Amino acid sequence: MPEISRFLGIVIAMYYGEHDPPHFHVKYGDYEASIRIQDGAVEGKLPRRALSLVLEWYGMHRDELMDDWNLAQQRRPLRKIEPLE
């Protein structure tokens, strides 16, 4: 699973050739979730603080996430996205 960003112990990644709807994966320690790019809907579990940080980051990078989703569907290299600071 290609990593596209990492910050504060949170890893953001996408799989190649994934199923719709467009989404990205989040791993934080033993927790995992996926976030839909279109509306930010969450599947899975993350601690409240980590989820808040991920959603803040997602709001800043939604267009870049969609660009990476399109690249992943074409099995092309993904672009790194700036971490939350």
Protein backbone atom coordinates (compact mmCIF):
# COMPACT_ATOMS: atom_id res chain seq x y z
CA MET A 1 0.00 0.00 0.00
CA PRO A 2 1.76 3.16 -1.16
CA GLU A 3 2.16 5.75 1.57
CA ILE A 4 1.21 9.25 0.46
CA SER A 5 1.65 11.13 3.75
CA ARG A 6 2.75 10.63 7.35
CA PHE A 7 2.37 12.94 10.34
CA LEU A 8 2.16 12.62 14.12
CA GLY A 9 2.25 8.81 13.92
CA ILE A 10 -0.58 8.74 11.36
CA VAL A 11 0.06 7.00 8.03
CA ILE A 12 -2.07 7.87 4.99
CA ALA A 13 -2.00 5.45 2.06
CA MET A 14 -3.88 4.23 -1.02
CA TYR A 15 -4.05 0.84 -2.68
CA TYR A 16 -3.67 0.46 -6.43
CA GLY A 17 -6.77 -0.60 -8.35
CA GLU A 18 -9.11 -0.16 -5.36
CA HIS A 19 -12.90 -0.34 -5.53
CA ASP A 20 -15.14 2.72 -5.70
CA PRO A 21 -16.03 5.02 -4.05
CA PRO A 22 -12.69 6.89 -4.01
CA HIS A 23 -11.10 6.68 -0.57
CA PHE A 24 -7.83 6.58 1.32
CA HIS A 25 -6.61 4.46 4.21
CA VAL A 26 -5.42 5.65 7.61
CA LYS A 27 -3.34 3.69 10.09
CA TYR A 28 -2.56 4.93 13.58
CA GLY A 29 -0.98 2.36 15.88
CA ASP A 30 -3.39 -0.59 16.02
CA TYR A 31 -6.26 1.49 14.58
CA GLU A 32 -7.30 1.54 10.93
CA ALA A 33 -9.93 3.40 8.95
CA SER A 34 -10.79 4.45 5.43
CA ILE A 35 -12.08 7.89 4.51
CA ARG A 36 -14.20 8.61 1.43
CA ILE A 37 -12.70 11.45 -0.58
CA GLN A 38 -16.05 12.81 -1.78
CA ASP A 39 -17.59 13.49 1.63
CA GLY A 40 -15.16 12.50 4.39
CA ALA A 41 -17.29 9.58 5.59
CA VAL A 42 -15.29 7.28 7.88
CA GLU A 43 -15.27 3.48 8.02
CA GLY A 44 -13.30 1.93 10.84
CA LYS A 45 -11.99 3.27 14.13
CA LEU A 46 -9.48 5.93 15.07
CA PRO A 47 -9.01 7.72 18.39
CA ARG A 48 -10.94 11.00 18.42
CA ARG A 49 -7.82 13.21 18.33
CA ALA A 50 -6.25 11.26 15.43
CA LEU A 51 -9.52 11.36 13.48
CA SER A 52 -9.78 15.11 14.02
CA LEU A 53 -6.25 15.59 12.67
CA VAL A 54 -6.90 13.35 9.65
CA LEU A 55 -10.12 15.18 8.79
CA GLU A 56 -8.35 18.54 9.09
CA TRP A 57 -5.61 17.27 6.73
CA TYR A 58 -8.22 15.78 4.36
CA GLY A 59 -10.00 19.15 4.13
CA MET A 60 -6.78 20.80 3.03
CA HIS A 61 -5.83 18.16 0.44
CA ARG A 62 -9.06 16.81 -1.05
CA ASP A 63 -8.14 17.71 -4.66
CA GLU A 64 -4.68 16.14 -4.30
CA LEU A 65 -6.25 13.00 -2.84
CA MET A 66 -8.55 12.72 -5.84
CA ASP A 67 -5.57 13.19 -8.17
CA ASP A 68 -3.76 10.34 -6.37
CA TRP A 69 -6.90 8.19 -6.55
CA ASN A 70 -6.95 8.64 -10.33
CA LEU A 71 -3.25 7.77 -10.55
CA ALA A 72 -3.82 4.65 -8.41
CA GLN A 73 -6.61 3.51 -10.72
CA GLN A 74 -4.16 3.76 -13.60
CA ARG A 75 -1.49 1.97 -11.53
CA ARG A 76 0.81 4.98 -11.86
CA PRO A 77 3.11 6.28 -9.12
CA LEU A 78 1.31 8.32 -6.48
CA ARG A 79 2.38 11.78 -5.43
CA LYS A 80 3.30 12.51 -1.83
CA ILE A 81 1.03 14.99 -0.05
CA GLU A 82 2.33 17.46 2.52
CA PRO A 83 1.80 16.33 6.10
CA LEU A 84 -0.19 18.28 8.66
CA GLU A 85 2.08 20.54 10.68
